[in-house]
């Protein structure tokens, strides 16, 4: 029996794929759980329309990410942390620290998008990656300085 998948299923296919499965598997598992629809002409058109909408939405998100990447390209994020002896930090620089430093410069990103090459536990200048989209990422400079004591 041919069915069109309504979500990604490991080992079977991705959303919108038309796959051949046994009738019992389709009628007793895939269709009742909403994982697939019978591969009729109407269902195929419906799924194709959803795929078009998704691709347009992904394209818009990618364009926004590319514009933000242009802004971020020359940015230096300044993070001030308390330090001990020899410029060693108490703890390490976190993604939230980077997000707050960028927010002070008027740039909003999600902390899940910050990628550290390794834990930053020393004062200095580092390069970190901001992943804005699955196809768009940008490297920025991170300047870690000691916090001034009052």
N, C-alpha and C. Protein backbone atom coordinates (compact mmCIF):
# COMPACT_ATOMS: atom_id res chain seq x y z
N UNK A 1 0.85 -1.18 0.00
CA UNK A 1 0.00 0.00 0.00
C UNK A 1 0.90 1.24 0.00
N UNK A 2 0.57 2.20 -0.84
CA UNK A 2 1.35 3.43 -0.89
C UNK A 2 0.74 4.45 0.08
N UNK A 3 1.64 5.09 0.88
CA UNK A 3 1.21 6.13 1.80
C UNK A 3 2.16 7.32 1.63
N UNK A 4 1.67 8.50 2.01
CA UNK A 4 2.50 9.71 2.03
C UNK A 4 2.73 10.05 3.50
N UNK A 5 3.99 10.23 3.87
CA UNK A 5 4.35 10.48 5.27
C UNK A 5 4.01 11.91 5.67
N UNK A 6 3.46 12.06 6.88
CA UNK A 6 3.12 13.38 7.39
C UNK A 6 4.11 13.85 8.45
N UNK A 7 5.15 13.07 8.69
CA UNK A 7 6.26 13.47 9.56
C UNK A 7 7.46 12.60 9.25
N UNK A 8 8.62 13.01 9.70
CA UNK A 8 9.84 12.25 9.47
C UNK A 8 9.83 11.00 10.35
N UNK A 9 10.08 9.86 9.75
CA UNK A 9 10.16 8.60 10.49
C UNK A 9 11.48 7.92 10.16
N UNK A 10 12.28 7.68 11.19
CA UNK A 10 13.58 7.06 10.98
C UNK A 10 13.41 5.67 10.36
N UNK A 11 14.18 5.41 9.35
CA UNK A 11 14.13 4.11 8.69
C UNK A 11 13.05 3.99 7.63
N UNK A 12 12.15 4.99 7.54
CA UNK A 12 11.07 4.92 6.57
C UNK A 12 11.14 6.07 5.56
N UNK A 13 11.34 7.29 6.04
CA UNK A 13 11.43 8.42 5.13
C UNK A 13 11.17 9.73 5.83
N UNK A 14 11.05 10.78 5.02
CA UNK A 14 10.84 12.12 5.54
C UNK A 14 9.47 12.63 5.15
N UNK A 15 9.07 13.75 5.75
CA UNK A 15 7.78 14.37 5.47
C UNK A 15 7.60 14.55 3.97
N UNK A 16 6.46 14.11 3.45
CA UNK A 16 6.15 14.27 2.04
C UNK A 16 6.58 13.11 1.15
N UNK A 17 7.37 12.18 1.67
CA UNK A 17 7.80 11.03 0.87
C UNK A 17 6.63 10.08 0.67
N UNK A 18 6.55 9.52 -0.52
CA UNK A 18 5.57 8.47 -0.80
C UNK A 18 6.32 7.15 -0.69
N UNK A 19 5.87 6.29 0.23
CA UNK A 19 6.55 5.01 0.46
C UNK A 19 5.55 3.86 0.33
N UNK A 20 6.09 2.72 -0.02
CA UNK A 20 5.30 1.49 -0.14
C UNK A 20 5.48 0.71 1.16
N UNK A 21 4.38 0.43 1.87
CA UNK A 21 4.42 -0.35 3.10
C UNK A 21 3.34 -1.43 3.03
N UNK A 22 3.43 -2.37 3.94
CA UNK A 22 2.39 -3.40 3.98
C UNK A 22 1.08 -2.79 4.46
N UNK A 23 -0.01 -3.30 3.95
CA UNK A 23 -1.33 -2.77 4.25
C UNK A 23 -1.62 -2.76 5.75
N UNK A 24 -1.27 -3.81 6.46
CA UNK A 24 -1.52 -3.87 7.90
C UNK A 24 -0.74 -2.82 8.66
N UNK A 25 0.52 -2.60 8.29
CA UNK A 25 1.36 -1.59 8.93
C UNK A 25 0.76 -0.20 8.73
N UNK A 26 0.27 0.06 7.51
CA UNK A 26 -0.34 1.36 7.22
C UNK A 26 -1.65 1.54 7.98
N UNK A 27 -2.55 0.54 7.88
CA UNK A 27 -3.88 0.67 8.47
C UNK A 27 -3.88 0.58 10.00
N UNK A 28 -2.95 -0.16 10.57
CA UNK A 28 -2.97 -0.37 12.02
C UNK A 28 -1.99 0.52 12.79
N UNK A 29 -1.00 1.08 12.12
CA UNK A 29 -0.01 1.86 12.84
C UNK A 29 0.15 3.28 12.28
N UNK A 30 0.54 3.40 11.03
CA UNK A 30 0.87 4.72 10.47
C UNK A 30 -0.32 5.67 10.39
N UNK A 31 -1.41 5.23 9.80
CA UNK A 31 -2.56 6.10 9.59
C UNK A 31 -3.26 6.46 10.90
N UNK A 32 -3.55 5.50 11.81
CA UNK A 32 -4.22 5.89 13.06
C UNK A 32 -3.42 6.86 13.92
N UNK A 33 -2.09 6.76 13.88
CA UNK A 33 -1.26 7.64 14.70
C UNK A 33 -0.97 8.98 14.01
N UNK A 34 -1.42 9.14 12.80
CA UNK A 34 -1.22 10.39 12.08
C UNK A 34 0.15 10.53 11.45
N UNK A 35 0.88 9.42 11.32
CA UNK A 35 2.21 9.46 10.72
C UNK A 35 2.16 9.45 9.19
N UNK A 36 1.02 9.03 8.64
CA UNK A 36 0.91 8.93 7.19
C UNK A 36 -0.56 9.06 6.77
N UNK A 37 -0.73 9.33 5.48
CA UNK A 37 -2.06 9.37 4.87
C UNK A 37 -2.02 8.46 3.64
N UNK A 38 -3.16 7.89 3.24
CA UNK A 38 -3.17 7.11 2.00
C UNK A 38 -2.72 8.00 0.85
N UNK A 39 -1.98 7.43 -0.09
CA UNK A 39 -1.39 8.21 -1.18
C UNK A 39 -2.41 8.48 -2.28
N UNK A 40 -3.47 9.21 -1.94
CA UNK A 40 -4.45 9.61 -2.95
C UNK A 40 -4.00 10.92 -3.57
N UNK A 41 -4.62 11.26 -4.70
CA UNK A 41 -4.23 12.48 -5.40
C UNK A 41 -4.46 13.72 -4.53
N UNK A 42 -5.56 13.75 -3.80
CA UNK A 42 -5.87 14.90 -2.93
C UNK A 42 -4.87 15.03 -1.79
N UNK A 43 -4.52 13.89 -1.15
CA UNK A 43 -3.55 13.93 -0.06
C UNK A 43 -2.17 14.36 -0.56
N UNK A 44 -1.78 13.89 -1.74
CA UNK A 44 -0.48 14.29 -2.30
C UNK A 44 -0.42 15.79 -2.56
N UNK A 45 -1.51 16.36 -3.12
CA UNK A 45 -1.55 17.80 -3.36
C UNK A 45 -1.47 18.58 -2.05
N UNK A 46 -2.19 18.09 -1.04
CA UNK A 46 -2.20 18.74 0.28
C UNK A 46 -0.78 18.77 0.87
N UNK A 47 -0.09 17.66 0.83
CA UNK A 47 1.26 17.57 1.39
C UNK A 47 2.24 18.43 0.58
N UNK A 48 2.09 18.46 -0.74
CA UNK A 48 2.96 19.30 -1.57
C UNK A 48 2.78 20.78 -1.25
N UNK A 49 1.55 21.19 -0.98
CA UNK A 49 1.29 22.59 -0.63
C UNK A 49 1.95 22.93 0.70
N UNK A 50 1.88 22.02 1.66
CA UNK A 50 2.54 22.25 2.95
C UNK A 50 4.05 22.35 2.77
N UNK A 51 4.62 21.51 1.91
CA UNK A 51 6.06 21.57 1.64
C UNK A 51 6.47 22.91 1.02
N UNK A 52 5.65 23.45 0.12
CA UNK A 52 5.94 24.75 -0.48
C UNK A 52 5.96 25.84 0.58
N UNK A 53 4.96 25.80 1.47
CA UNK A 53 4.89 26.81 2.53
C UNK A 53 6.10 26.72 3.46
N UNK A 54 6.49 25.49 3.80
CA UNK A 54 7.65 25.30 4.67
C UNK A 54 8.91 25.83 4.01
N UNK A 55 9.07 25.56 2.72
CA UNK A 55 10.29 26.01 2.04
C UNK A 55 10.35 27.53 1.98
N UNK A 56 9.20 28.19 1.77
CA UNK A 56 9.18 29.66 1.76
C UNK A 56 9.55 30.21 3.14
N UNK A 57 9.02 29.58 4.18
CA UNK A 57 9.31 30.02 5.55
C UNK A 57 10.79 29.83 5.87
N UNK A 58 11.36 28.70 5.48
CA UNK A 58 12.78 28.45 5.72
C UNK A 58 13.65 29.44 4.97
N UNK A 59 13.24 29.81 3.78
CA UNK A 59 14.00 30.78 2.99
C UNK A 59 13.99 32.15 3.66
N UNK A 60 12.83 32.56 4.19
CA UNK A 60 12.74 33.84 4.90
C UNK A 60 13.64 33.83 6.14
N UNK A 61 13.61 32.72 6.90
CA UNK A 61 14.44 32.61 8.10
C UNK A 61 15.92 32.66 7.74
N UNK A 62 16.29 32.04 6.64
CA UNK A 62 17.69 32.04 6.20
C UNK A 62 18.14 33.44 5.82
N UNK A 63 17.28 34.21 5.14
CA UNK A 63 17.62 35.58 4.77
C UNK A 63 17.82 36.45 6.01
N UNK A 64 16.94 36.28 7.01
CA UNK A 64 17.09 37.04 8.26
C UNK A 64 18.41 36.68 8.94
N UNK A 65 18.74 35.41 8.94
CA UNK A 65 19.98 34.96 9.57
C UNK A 65 21.19 35.52 8.83
N UNK A 66 21.14 35.60 7.52
CA UNK A 66 22.25 36.15 6.75
C UNK A 66 22.43 37.64 7.02
N UNK A 67 21.31 38.38 7.18
CA UNK A 67 21.40 39.80 7.49
C UNK A 67 22.01 40.00 8.88
N UNK A 68 21.60 39.18 9.85
CA UNK A 68 22.16 39.28 11.19
C UNK A 68 23.63 38.89 11.20
N UNK A 69 24.01 37.94 10.37
CA UNK A 69 25.41 37.53 10.28
C UNK A 69 26.28 38.68 9.77
N UNK A 70 25.76 39.46 8.83
CA UNK A 70 26.50 40.63 8.34
C UNK A 70 26.74 41.62 9.46
N UNK A 71 25.71 41.82 10.31
CA UNK A 71 25.86 42.73 11.46
C UNK A 71 26.91 42.21 12.44
N UNK A 72 26.88 40.91 12.68
CA UNK A 72 27.75 40.30 13.70
C UNK A 72 29.19 40.15 13.26
N UNK A 73 29.46 40.22 11.96
CA UNK A 73 30.77 39.90 11.44
C UNK A 73 31.90 40.69 12.11
N UNK A 74 31.69 41.97 12.36
CA UNK A 74 32.74 42.81 12.92
C UNK A 74 32.54 43.14 14.40
N UNK A 75 31.63 42.44 15.06
CA UNK A 75 31.31 42.74 16.46
C UNK A 75 32.33 42.08 17.39
N UNK A 76 32.67 42.80 18.46
CA UNK A 76 33.49 42.23 19.53
C UNK A 76 32.64 42.25 20.79
N UNK A 77 32.37 41.08 21.34
CA UNK A 77 31.58 40.97 22.56
C UNK A 77 32.51 41.11 23.75
N UNK A 78 32.22 42.04 24.65
CA UNK A 78 33.05 42.29 25.82
C UNK A 78 32.38 41.69 27.05
N UNK A 79 33.06 40.76 27.69
CA UNK A 79 32.54 40.12 28.90
C UNK A 79 33.50 40.40 30.03
N UNK A 80 32.96 40.92 31.14
CA UNK A 80 33.79 41.18 32.32
C UNK A 80 33.39 40.18 33.40
N UNK A 81 34.40 39.47 33.92
CA UNK A 81 34.17 38.44 34.94
C UNK A 81 35.17 38.64 36.08
N UNK A 82 34.80 38.23 37.29
CA UNK A 82 35.78 38.29 38.39
C UNK A 82 36.90 37.28 38.15
N UNK A 83 38.14 37.72 38.45
CA UNK A 83 39.29 36.87 38.21
C UNK A 83 40.10 36.68 39.49
N UNK A 84 40.84 35.59 39.50
CA UNK A 84 41.74 35.30 40.60
C UNK A 84 43.16 35.58 40.18
N UNK A 85 44.06 34.76 40.65
CA UNK A 85 45.47 34.94 40.34
C UNK A 85 45.75 34.56 38.88
N UNK A 86 46.69 35.25 38.29
CA UNK A 86 47.19 34.98 36.93
C UNK A 86 46.10 35.05 35.86
N UNK A 87 45.08 35.88 36.09
CA UNK A 87 44.05 36.07 35.07
C UNK A 87 43.10 34.90 34.89
N UNK A 88 43.04 34.03 35.88
CA UNK A 88 42.16 32.87 35.79
C UNK A 88 40.78 33.24 36.33
N UNK A 89 39.74 32.89 35.58
CA UNK A 89 38.37 33.23 35.97
C UNK A 89 37.85 32.33 37.08
N UNK A 90 36.93 32.88 37.86
CA UNK A 90 36.17 32.06 38.81
C UNK A 90 35.02 31.45 38.01
N UNK A 91 35.13 30.22 37.60
CA UNK A 91 34.15 29.61 36.71
C UNK A 91 34.59 29.77 35.28
N UNK A 92 33.63 29.89 34.37
CA UNK A 92 33.97 30.08 32.96
C UNK A 92 32.94 30.99 32.31
N UNK A 93 33.25 31.44 31.11
CA UNK A 93 32.32 32.28 30.35
C UNK A 93 31.20 31.39 29.82
N UNK A 94 29.96 31.83 30.00
CA UNK A 94 28.80 31.05 29.56
C UNK A 94 28.15 31.69 28.35
N UNK A 95 27.26 30.96 27.73
CA UNK A 95 26.51 31.48 26.58
C UNK A 95 25.67 32.68 27.00
N UNK A 96 25.13 32.65 28.22
CA UNK A 96 24.33 33.78 28.71
C UNK A 96 25.17 35.05 28.82
N UNK A 97 26.44 34.92 29.21
CA UNK A 97 27.33 36.08 29.27
C UNK A 97 27.49 36.69 27.89
N UNK A 98 27.66 35.86 26.88
CA UNK A 98 27.83 36.35 25.50
C UNK A 98 26.54 37.01 25.02
N UNK A 99 25.39 36.40 25.30
CA UNK A 99 24.10 36.96 24.88
C UNK A 99 23.90 38.33 25.53
N UNK A 100 24.22 38.45 26.82
CA UNK A 100 24.06 39.74 27.50
C UNK A 100 25.01 40.79 26.93
N UNK A 101 26.23 40.40 26.59
CA UNK A 101 27.19 41.34 26.00
C UNK A 101 26.71 41.83 24.63
N UNK A 102 26.12 40.94 23.85
CA UNK A 102 25.59 41.34 22.54
C UNK A 102 24.32 42.18 22.69
N UNK A 103 23.53 41.89 23.72
CA UNK A 103 22.29 42.64 23.96
C UNK A 103 22.62 44.09 24.28
N UNK A 104 23.74 44.33 24.99
CA UNK A 104 24.16 45.69 25.29
C UNK A 104 24.50 46.46 24.02
N UNK A 105 24.86 45.75 22.96
CA UNK A 105 25.17 46.38 21.68
C UNK A 105 23.95 46.42 20.76
N UNK A 106 22.80 45.97 21.26
CA UNK A 106 21.57 46.03 20.49
C UNK A 106 21.34 44.85 19.57
N UNK A 107 22.01 43.72 19.83
CA UNK A 107 21.86 42.54 18.98
C UNK A 107 21.24 41.42 19.81
N UNK A 108 20.09 40.93 19.35
CA UNK A 108 19.37 39.88 20.07
C UNK A 108 19.65 38.52 19.42
N UNK A 109 20.18 37.57 20.21
CA UNK A 109 20.32 36.19 19.75
C UNK A 109 19.90 35.28 20.89
N UNK A 110 19.69 34.02 20.57
CA UNK A 110 19.34 33.02 21.56
C UNK A 110 20.61 32.37 22.09
N UNK A 111 20.63 32.04 23.37
CA UNK A 111 21.85 31.48 23.95
C UNK A 111 22.18 30.09 23.39
N UNK A 112 21.20 29.41 22.83
CA UNK A 112 21.45 28.09 22.23
C UNK A 112 22.28 28.20 20.96
N UNK A 113 22.34 29.41 20.40
CA UNK A 113 23.07 29.61 19.16
C UNK A 113 24.57 29.84 19.37
N UNK A 114 25.00 30.02 20.62
CA UNK A 114 26.40 30.31 20.90
C UNK A 114 27.17 28.99 21.01
N UNK A 115 28.27 28.89 20.23
CA UNK A 115 29.07 27.67 20.22
C UNK A 115 30.50 28.02 20.63
N UNK A 116 30.96 27.42 21.74
CA UNK A 116 32.32 27.64 22.20
C UNK A 116 33.22 26.52 21.68
N UNK A 117 34.43 26.85 21.20
CA UNK A 117 35.34 25.79 20.75
C UNK A 117 35.87 24.98 21.94
N UNK A 118 35.96 25.63 23.10
CA UNK A 118 36.38 24.98 24.34
C UNK A 118 35.94 25.88 25.49
N UNK A 119 36.02 25.40 26.71
CA UNK A 119 35.64 26.21 27.86
C UNK A 119 36.61 27.38 28.00
N UNK A 120 36.07 28.57 28.23
CA UNK A 120 36.89 29.77 28.35
C UNK A 120 37.02 30.10 29.83
N UNK A 121 38.23 29.92 30.35
CA UNK A 121 38.48 30.11 31.78
C UNK A 121 39.62 31.07 32.06
N UNK A 122 40.07 31.78 31.02
CA UNK A 122 41.17 32.74 31.17
C UNK A 122 40.76 34.07 30.55
N UNK A 123 41.38 35.14 31.04
CA UNK A 123 41.20 36.45 30.44
C UNK A 123 41.91 36.43 29.09
N UNK A 124 41.30 37.09 28.08
CA UNK A 124 41.95 37.15 26.77
C UNK A 124 40.96 37.38 25.65
N UNK A 125 41.45 37.27 24.42
CA UNK A 125 40.65 37.45 23.23
C UNK A 125 40.45 36.09 22.56
N UNK A 126 39.19 35.74 22.30
CA UNK A 126 38.86 34.43 21.74
C UNK A 126 37.96 34.61 20.52
N UNK A 127 37.88 33.57 19.71
CA UNK A 127 36.94 33.53 18.59
C UNK A 127 35.91 32.45 18.89
N UNK A 128 34.63 32.85 18.87
CA UNK A 128 33.55 31.90 19.10
C UNK A 128 32.61 31.94 17.89
N UNK A 129 31.77 30.94 17.78
CA UNK A 129 30.85 30.83 16.64
C UNK A 129 29.42 31.08 17.12
N UNK A 130 28.70 31.86 16.34
CA UNK A 130 27.26 32.05 16.56
C UNK A 130 26.56 31.36 15.41
N UNK A 131 25.78 30.34 15.73
CA UNK A 131 25.06 29.58 14.70
C UNK A 131 23.63 30.11 14.63
N UNK A 132 23.33 30.83 13.55
CA UNK A 132 22.05 31.52 13.40
C UNK A 132 21.00 30.69 12.67
N UNK A 133 21.45 29.77 11.85
CA UNK A 133 20.56 28.93 11.03
C UNK A 133 21.37 27.69 10.70
N UNK A 134 20.72 26.64 10.25
CA UNK A 134 21.49 25.42 9.96
C UNK A 134 22.54 25.64 8.87
N UNK A 135 22.32 26.63 7.99
CA UNK A 135 23.27 26.92 6.93
C UNK A 135 24.08 28.20 7.16
N UNK A 136 23.76 28.95 8.22
CA UNK A 136 24.40 30.25 8.44
C UNK A 136 25.02 30.30 9.83
N UNK A 137 26.34 30.49 9.87
CA UNK A 137 27.00 30.72 11.15
C UNK A 137 28.08 31.78 10.93
N UNK A 138 28.44 32.46 12.01
CA UNK A 138 29.41 33.55 11.91
C UNK A 138 30.34 33.49 13.12
N UNK A 139 31.62 33.76 12.88
CA UNK A 139 32.60 33.82 13.96
C UNK A 139 32.70 35.25 14.45
N UNK A 140 32.68 35.42 15.78
CA UNK A 140 32.85 36.75 16.36
C UNK A 140 33.98 36.69 17.38
N UNK A 141 34.48 37.87 17.72
CA UNK A 141 35.53 37.98 18.73
C UNK A 141 34.88 38.13 20.10
N UNK A 142 35.45 37.45 21.08
CA UNK A 142 35.00 37.54 22.47
C UNK A 142 36.19 38.04 23.29
N UNK A 143 36.02 39.20 23.89
CA UNK A 143 37.07 39.80 24.70
C UNK A 143 36.70 39.62 26.16
N UNK A 144 37.46 38.81 26.88
CA UNK A 144 37.20 38.54 28.30
C UNK A 144 38.18 39.38 29.09
N UNK A 145 37.60 40.27 29.92
CA UNK A 145 38.43 41.17 30.73
C UNK A 145 38.08 40.99 32.20
N UNK A 146 39.02 41.35 33.08
CA UNK A 146 38.72 41.26 34.52
C UNK A 146 37.73 42.33 34.95
N UNK A 147 36.89 41.97 35.90
CA UNK A 147 35.92 42.90 36.46
C UNK A 147 36.65 43.87 37.39
N UNK A 148 36.33 45.16 37.27
CA UNK A 148 37.00 46.13 38.13
C UNK A 148 36.47 46.01 39.55
N UNK A 149 37.38 46.07 40.50
CA UNK A 149 37.00 46.00 41.91
C UNK A 149 36.78 47.42 42.42
N UNK A 150 35.73 47.57 43.22
CA UNK A 150 35.42 48.91 43.73
C UNK A 150 36.09 49.18 45.04
